[in-house]
């Protein structure tokens, strides 16, 4: 992954296992058919935070362990489950000038993530150690983003009910394309996946 991107926004994301992404991809197709133009504008991942630099391999591993620990706290089984669809706005004060076009396209409308809520309890703070200074802004309510929206058409199909334990933390770069439908045309790159530790290993060690 290019560590010196021209423009765009760096994100730390949680990516569910491929089986869950396939369900979300099928939902995106239904959203697009129902009139949601941004249904293919985000890669079926949960944004965790906007970051000033990409996290190192060690920092991503630490994040993956912290996310698993939170899922097992208070008797949790480590399984993540989705709920009703929700909107998660880009925080205006957390976006660099290079990525500001993502938050203010389509005649001044503010873009937002759209997808099923995720019952993932995030670590507090989100990043520890050397990664702490990389966080520009975190997202307090995880949403498994499946689209980018400036407006939401009526009567959209509800999201599928999904549960999964297998997921990975990763770096991501997200930038607007100079061509295409300006409000929804983006490209992204996702770095190496750092899988959350297995539940059995965590239970045995705890």
C-alpha atoms as a PDB file:
ATOM      1  CA  UNK A   1       0.000   0.000   0.000  1.00  0.00           C
ATOM      2  CA  UNK A   2       1.211   3.484  -0.856  1.00  0.00           C
ATOM      3  CA  UNK A   3       2.060   5.192   2.428  1.00  0.00           C
ATOM      4  CA  UNK A   4       2.112   8.663   0.841  1.00  0.00           C
ATOM      5  CA  UNK A   5      -1.235   8.884  -0.982  1.00  0.00           C
ATOM      6  CA  UNK A   6      -2.158  11.950  -2.968  1.00  0.00           C
ATOM      7  CA  UNK A   7      -5.425  13.010  -1.372  1.00  0.00           C
ATOM      8  CA  UNK A   8      -7.908  10.670   0.156  1.00  0.00           C
ATOM      9  CA  UNK A   9      -8.665   9.632   3.698  1.00  0.00           C
ATOM     10  CA  UNK A  10      -6.826   7.008   5.732  1.00  0.00           C
ATOM     11  CA  UNK A  11      -9.053   4.760   7.812  1.00  0.00           C
ATOM     12  CA  UNK A  12      -8.614   1.920  10.266  1.00  0.00           C
ATOM     13  CA  UNK A  13     -11.356  -0.600   9.497  1.00  0.00           C
ATOM     14  CA  UNK A  14     -12.763  -3.904  10.679  1.00  0.00           C
ATOM     15  CA  UNK A  15     -13.435  -6.351   7.848  1.00  0.00           C
ATOM     16  CA  UNK A  16     -15.748  -9.328   8.398  1.00  0.00           C
ATOM     17  CA  UNK A  17     -15.100 -12.774   6.964  1.00  0.00           C
ATOM     18  CA  UNK A  18     -15.802 -13.278   3.266  1.00  0.00           C
ATOM     19  CA  UNK A  19     -19.082 -15.138   3.933  1.00  0.00           C
ATOM     20  CA  UNK A  20     -20.494 -12.074   5.698  1.00  0.00           C
ATOM     21  CA  UNK A  21     -19.206  -9.748   2.998  1.00  0.00           C
ATOM     22  CA  UNK A  22     -21.007 -11.852   0.383  1.00  0.00           C
ATOM     23  CA  UNK A  23     -24.305 -11.302   2.233  1.00  0.00           C
ATOM     24  CA  UNK A  24     -23.645  -7.564   2.380  1.00  0.00           C
ATOM     25  CA  UNK A  25     -22.683  -7.484  -1.300  1.00  0.00           C
ATOM     26  CA  UNK A  26     -26.019  -9.074  -2.184  1.00  0.00           C
ATOM     27  CA  UNK A  27     -27.771  -6.460  -0.031  1.00  0.00           C
ATOM     28  CA  UNK A  28     -25.890  -3.690  -1.855  1.00  0.00           C
ATOM     29  CA  UNK A  29     -27.301  -5.022  -5.117  1.00  0.00           C
ATOM     30  CA  UNK A  30     -30.827  -4.771  -3.684  1.00  0.00           C
ATOM     31  CA  UNK A  31     -30.100  -1.254  -2.389  1.00  0.00           C
ATOM     32  CA  UNK A  32     -28.908  -0.160  -5.825  1.00  0.00           C
ATOM     33  CA  UNK A  33     -32.006  -1.638  -7.455  1.00  0.00           C
ATOM     34  CA  UNK A  34     -34.111   0.335  -4.948  1.00  0.00           C
ATOM     35  CA  UNK A  35     -32.484   3.621  -6.001  1.00  0.00           C
ATOM     36  CA  UNK A  36     -29.525   4.014  -3.624  1.00  0.00           C
ATOM     37  CA  UNK A  37     -26.800   5.262  -5.987  1.00  0.00           C
ATOM     38  CA  UNK A  38     -23.962   4.900  -3.472  1.00  0.00           C
ATOM     39  CA  UNK A  39     -24.552   1.184  -2.885  1.00  0.00           C
ATOM     40  CA  UNK A  40     -21.194   0.265  -4.439  1.00  0.00           C
ATOM     41  CA  UNK A  41     -19.172   3.135  -2.931  1.00  0.00           C
ATOM     42  CA  UNK A  42     -17.758   1.426   0.171  1.00  0.00           C
ATOM     43  CA  UNK A  43     -16.200  -2.039   0.563  1.00  0.00           C
ATOM     44  CA  UNK A  44     -18.385  -3.738   3.239  1.00  0.00           C
ATOM     45  CA  UNK A  45     -16.256  -2.861   6.249  1.00  0.00           C
ATOM     46  CA  UNK A  46     -16.775  -1.100   9.581  1.00  0.00           C
ATOM     47  CA  UNK A  47     -14.858   2.203   9.837  1.00  0.00           C
ATOM     48  CA  UNK A  48     -13.211   2.450  13.258  1.00  0.00           C
ATOM     49  CA  UNK A  49     -11.342   5.720  12.943  1.00  0.00           C
ATOM     50  CA  UNK A  50      -9.789   8.301  10.638  1.00  0.00           C
ATOM     51  CA  UNK A  51      -6.017   8.154  10.997  1.00  0.00           C
ATOM     52  CA  UNK A  52      -3.158  10.507  10.124  1.00  0.00           C
ATOM     53  CA  UNK A  53      -0.871   7.661   9.053  1.00  0.00           C
ATOM     54  CA  UNK A  54      -1.221   3.962   8.377  1.00  0.00           C
ATOM     55  CA  UNK A  55      -0.858   1.747  11.423  1.00  0.00           C
ATOM     56  CA  UNK A  56       2.179  -0.525  11.592  1.00  0.00           C
ATOM     57  CA  UNK A  57       1.885  -4.307  11.569  1.00  0.00           C
ATOM     58  CA  UNK A  58       2.420  -4.441  15.336  1.00  0.00           C
ATOM     59  CA  UNK A  59      -0.159  -1.717  15.920  1.00  0.00           C
ATOM     60  CA  UNK A  60      -2.738  -3.543  13.815  1.00  0.00           C
ATOM     61  CA  UNK A  61      -2.051  -6.756  15.704  1.00  0.00           C
ATOM     62  CA  UNK A  62      -2.559  -4.895  18.989  1.00  0.00           C
ATOM     63  CA  UNK A  63      -5.848  -3.501  17.672  1.00  0.00           C
ATOM     64  CA  UNK A  64      -7.013  -6.959  16.603  1.00  0.00           C
ATOM     65  CA  UNK A  65      -6.261  -8.367  20.077  1.00  0.00           C
ATOM     66  CA  UNK A  66      -7.996  -5.435  21.783  1.00  0.00           C
ATOM     67  CA  UNK A  67     -11.127  -5.890  19.677  1.00  0.00           C
ATOM     68  CA  UNK A  68     -11.246  -9.597  20.520  1.00  0.00           C
ATOM     69  CA  UNK A  69     -10.725  -8.857  24.224  1.00  0.00           C
ATOM     70  CA  UNK A  70     -13.676  -6.458  24.189  1.00  0.00           C
ATOM     71  CA  UNK A  71     -15.846  -9.079  22.523  1.00  0.00           C
ATOM     72  CA  UNK A  72     -15.066 -11.592  25.270  1.00  0.00           C
ATOM     73  CA  UNK A  73     -15.446  -9.176  28.186  1.00  0.00           C
ATOM     74  CA  UNK A  74     -18.346  -9.611  30.615  1.00  0.00           C
ATOM     75  CA  UNK A  75     -19.071 -13.131  29.435  1.00  0.00           C
ATOM     76  CA  UNK A  76     -19.262 -12.288  25.743  1.00  0.00           C
ATOM     77  CA  UNK A  77     -18.808 -15.083  23.217  1.00  0.00           C
ATOM     78  CA  UNK A  78     -16.730 -13.075  20.753  1.00  0.00           C
ATOM     79  CA  UNK A  79     -19.468 -13.164  18.123  1.00  0.00           C
ATOM     80  CA  UNK A  80     -20.439  -9.917  16.386  1.00  0.00           C
ATOM     81  CA  UNK A  81     -24.047  -9.443  15.311  1.00  0.00           C
ATOM     82  CA  UNK A  82     -25.730  -6.887  13.092  1.00  0.00           C
ATOM     83  CA  UNK A  83     -28.877  -4.893  13.735  1.00  0.00           C
ATOM     84  CA  UNK A  84     -31.034  -2.378  11.900  1.00  0.00           C
ATOM     85  CA  UNK A  85     -29.540  -0.132   9.226  1.00  0.00           C
ATOM     86  CA  UNK A  86     -28.187   3.222  10.383  1.00  0.00           C
ATOM     87  CA  UNK A  87     -26.384   6.274   9.077  1.00  0.00           C
ATOM     88  CA  UNK A  88     -22.918   7.187  10.358  1.00  0.00           C
ATOM     89  CA  UNK A  89     -21.819  10.678   9.228  1.00  0.00           C
ATOM     90  CA  UNK A  90     -18.253  11.536   8.423  1.00  0.00           C
ATOM     91  CA  UNK A  91     -17.188  13.878  11.249  1.00  0.00           C
ATOM     92  CA  UNK A  92     -16.578  17.209   9.528  1.00  0.00           C
ATOM     93  CA  UNK A  93     -13.747  18.179  11.874  1.00  0.00           C
ATOM     94  CA  UNK A  94     -11.957  14.889  11.338  1.00  0.00           C
ATOM     95  CA  UNK A  95     -11.426  15.108   7.603  1.00  0.00           C
ATOM     96  CA  UNK A  96      -8.287  16.539   6.068  1.00  0.00           C
ATOM     97  CA  UNK A  97      -8.500  19.168   3.359  1.00  0.00           C
ATOM     98  CA  UNK A  98      -7.378  16.555   0.844  1.00  0.00           C
ATOM     99  CA  UNK A  99     -10.434  14.431   1.573  1.00  0.00           C
ATOM    100  CA  UNK A 100     -12.965  17.177   2.190  1.00  0.00           C
ATOM    101  CA  UNK A 101     -14.663  16.566  -1.148  1.00  0.00           C
ATOM    102  CA  UNK A 102     -15.952  13.256   0.191  1.00  0.00           C
ATOM    103  CA  UNK A 103     -17.943  15.027   2.909  1.00  0.00           C
ATOM    104  CA  UNK A 104     -19.442  17.819   0.862  1.00  0.00           C
ATOM    105  CA  UNK A 105     -20.497  16.636  -2.566  1.00  0.00           C
ATOM    106  CA  UNK A 106     -23.838  16.585  -4.367  1.00  0.00           C
ATOM    107  CA  UNK A 107     -24.871  20.234  -3.990  1.00  0.00           C
ATOM    108  CA  UNK A 108     -23.503  20.581  -0.486  1.00  0.00           C
ATOM    109  CA  UNK A 109     -25.064  17.447   0.968  1.00  0.00           C
ATOM    110  CA  UNK A 110     -22.947  15.675   3.535  1.00  0.00           C
ATOM    111  CA  UNK A 111     -22.019  12.105   2.757  1.00  0.00           C
ATOM    112  CA  UNK A 112     -22.414   9.389   5.359  1.00  0.00           C
ATOM    113  CA  UNK A 113     -21.790   5.680   5.762  1.00  0.00           C
ATOM    114  CA  UNK A 114     -24.904   3.504   5.577  1.00  0.00           C
ATOM    115  CA  UNK A 115     -25.183  -0.081   6.767  1.00  0.00           C
ATOM    116  CA  UNK A 116     -26.301  -2.388   9.557  1.00  0.00           C
ATOM    117  CA  UNK A 117     -25.268  -1.474  13.073  1.00  0.00           C
ATOM    118  CA  UNK A 118     -22.672  -3.751  14.627  1.00  0.00           C
ATOM    119  CA  UNK A 119     -22.815  -4.728  18.299  1.00  0.00           C
ATOM    120  CA  UNK A 120     -19.061  -4.379  18.626  1.00  0.00           C
ATOM    121  CA  UNK A 121     -17.822  -2.707  21.791  1.00  0.00           C
ATOM    122  CA  UNK A 122     -14.755  -0.691  20.878  1.00  0.00           C
ATOM    123  CA  UNK A 123     -11.690  -0.470  23.139  1.00  0.00           C
ATOM    124  CA  UNK A 124     -11.305   2.714  25.166  1.00  0.00           C
ATOM    125  CA  UNK A 125      -9.114   4.286  24.011  1.00  0.00           C
ATOM    126  CA  UNK A 126      -9.403   2.856  20.513  1.00  0.00           C
ATOM    127  CA  UNK A 127      -5.623   2.825  19.982  1.00  0.00           C
ATOM    128  CA  UNK A 128      -2.975   2.329  22.637  1.00  0.00           C
ATOM    129  CA  UNK A 129       0.780   2.902  22.718  1.00  0.00           C
ATOM    130  CA  UNK A 130       2.447   4.297  19.608  1.00  0.00           C
ATOM    131  CA  UNK A 131      -0.800   4.179  17.610  1.00  0.00           C
ATOM    132  CA  UNK A 132      -2.607   6.605  19.928  1.00  0.00           C
ATOM    133  CA  UNK A 133      -1.177   9.668  18.198  1.00  0.00           C
ATOM    134  CA  UNK A 134      -2.337   8.462  14.776  1.00  0.00           C
ATOM    135  CA  UNK A 135      -6.031   8.778  15.574  1.00  0.00           C
ATOM    136  CA  UNK A 136      -7.687  11.900  14.155  1.00  0.00           C
ATOM    137  CA  UNK A 137     -11.254  10.922  14.953  1.00  0.00           C
ATOM    138  CA  UNK A 138     -12.952   7.705  16.045  1.00  0.00           C
ATOM    139  CA  UNK A 139     -16.472   6.514  15.265  1.00  0.00           C
ATOM    140  CA  UNK A 140     -18.429   5.852  18.430  1.00  0.00           C
ATOM    141  CA  UNK A 141     -21.122   3.661  16.871  1.00  0.00           C
ATOM    142  CA  UNK A 142     -19.776   0.912  14.590  1.00  0.00           C
ATOM    143  CA  UNK A 143     -21.686   0.485  11.344  1.00  0.00           C
ATOM    144  CA  UNK A 144     -20.857  -2.253   8.860  1.00  0.00           C
ATOM    145  CA  UNK A 145     -20.827   0.237   5.994  1.00  0.00           C
ATOM    146  CA  UNK A 146     -22.310  -1.090   2.784  1.00  0.00           C
ATOM    147  CA  UNK A 147     -22.967   2.186   0.970  1.00  0.00           C
ATOM    148  CA  UNK A 148     -22.207   5.879   0.922  1.00  0.00           C
ATOM    149  CA  UNK A 149     -25.250   8.145   1.000  1.00  0.00           C
ATOM    150  CA  UNK A 150     -26.063  11.812   0.556  1.00  0.00           C
ATOM    151  CA  UNK A 151     -29.781  11.106   0.742  1.00  0.00           C
ATOM    152  CA  UNK A 152     -31.720   7.930   1.514  1.00  0.00           C
ATOM    153  CA  UNK A 153     -34.556   6.864  -0.806  1.00  0.00           C
ATOM    154  CA  UNK A 154     -37.726   5.558   0.851  1.00  0.00           C
ATOM    155  CA  UNK A 155     -38.607   1.882   1.223  1.00  0.00           C
ATOM    156  CA  UNK A 156     -35.111   0.443   1.136  1.00  0.00           C
ATOM    157  CA  UNK A 157     -34.810  -3.305   1.769  1.00  0.00           C
ATOM    158  CA  UNK A 158     -33.707  -4.113   5.345  1.00  0.00           C
ATOM    159  CA  UNK A 159     -30.190  -5.478   5.864  1.00  0.00           C
ATOM    160  CA  UNK A 160     -29.596  -9.190   6.379  1.00  0.00           C
ATOM    161  CA  UNK A 161     -29.103 -10.469   9.915  1.00  0.00           C
ATOM    162  CA  UNK A 162     -25.443 -11.451  10.156  1.00  0.00           C
ATOM    163  CA  UNK A 163     -23.322 -12.910  12.940  1.00  0.00           C
ATOM    164  CA  UNK A 164     -19.632 -13.711  12.750  1.00  0.00           C
ATOM    165  CA  UNK A 165     -16.515 -14.171  14.845  1.00  0.00           C
ATOM    166  CA  UNK A 166     -13.916 -14.133  12.077  1.00  0.00           C
ATOM    167  CA  UNK A 167     -12.888 -10.568  11.272  1.00  0.00           C
ATOM    168  CA  UNK A 168      -9.719  -8.600  10.624  1.00  0.00           C
ATOM    169  CA  UNK A 169      -8.292  -5.151  11.337  1.00  0.00           C
ATOM    170  CA  UNK A 170      -6.670  -3.317   8.429  1.00  0.00           C
ATOM    171  CA  UNK A 171      -5.508   0.012   7.037  1.00  0.00           C
ATOM    172  CA  UNK A 172      -7.535   1.526   4.225  1.00  0.00           C
ATOM    173  CA  UNK A 173      -7.150   4.514   1.899  1.00  0.00           C
ATOM    174  CA  UNK A 174     -10.320   6.000   0.429  1.00  0.00           C
ATOM    175  CA  UNK A 175     -10.377   8.680  -2.247  1.00  0.00           C
ATOM    176  CA  UNK A 176     -12.746  10.298  -4.723  1.00  0.00           C
ATOM    177  CA  UNK A 177     -12.306   9.554  -8.420  1.00  0.00           C
ATOM    178  CA  UNK A 178     -11.886  12.455 -10.852  1.00  0.00           C
ATOM    179  CA  UNK A 179     -14.424  10.873 -13.236  1.00  0.00           C
ATOM    180  CA  UNK A 180     -17.812   9.241 -12.911  1.00  0.00           C
ATOM    181  CA  UNK A 181     -20.732  10.196 -10.687  1.00  0.00           C
ATOM    182  CA  UNK A 182     -19.019  12.752  -8.454  1.00  0.00           C
ATOM    183  CA  UNK A 183     -21.023  12.109  -5.305  1.00  0.00           C
ATOM    184  CA  UNK A 184     -20.458   8.349  -5.294  1.00  0.00           C
ATOM    185  CA  UNK A 185     -17.375   7.545  -7.401  1.00  0.00           C
ATOM    186  CA  UNK A 186     -14.530   6.370  -5.182  1.00  0.00           C
ATOM    187  CA  UNK A 187     -11.605   4.010  -5.120  1.00  0.00           C
ATOM    188  CA  UNK A 188     -10.017   2.304  -2.164  1.00  0.00           C
ATOM    189  CA  UNK A 189      -7.115   0.110  -1.207  1.00  0.00           C
ATOM    190  CA  UNK A 190      -7.037  -2.170   1.817  1.00  0.00           C
ATOM    191  CA  UNK A 191      -3.773  -3.261   3.386  1.00  0.00           C
ATOM    192  CA  UNK A 192      -2.828  -6.602   4.900  1.00  0.00           C
ATOM    193  CA  UNK A 193      -5.539  -8.186   7.032  1.00  0.00           C
ATOM    194  CA  UNK A 194      -4.730  -8.790  10.699  1.00  0.00           C
ATOM    195  CA  UNK A 195      -7.221 -11.372  11.907  1.00  0.00           C
ATOM    196  CA  UNK A 196      -8.656 -11.204  15.383  1.00  0.00           C
ATOM    197  CA  UNK A 197      -7.282 -14.055  17.527  1.00  0.00           C
ATOM    198  CA  UNK A 198      -9.413 -17.165  17.795  1.00  0.00           C
ATOM    199  CA  UNK A 199     -11.917 -17.252  20.642  1.00  0.00           C
ATOM    200  CA  UNK A 200     -10.540 -20.559  21.897  1.00  0.00           C
ATOM    201  CA  UNK A 201      -7.019 -19.165  22.255  1.00  0.00           C
ATOM    202  CA  UNK A 202      -8.297 -16.119  24.108  1.00  0.00           C
ATOM    203  CA  UNK A 203     -10.459 -18.172  26.472  1.00  0.00           C
ATOM    204  CA  UNK A 204      -7.655 -20.574  27.226  1.00  0.00           C
ATOM    205  CA  UNK A 205      -5.267 -17.698  27.916  1.00  0.00           C
ATOM    206  CA  UNK A 206      -7.737 -15.728  30.048  1.00  0.00           C
END
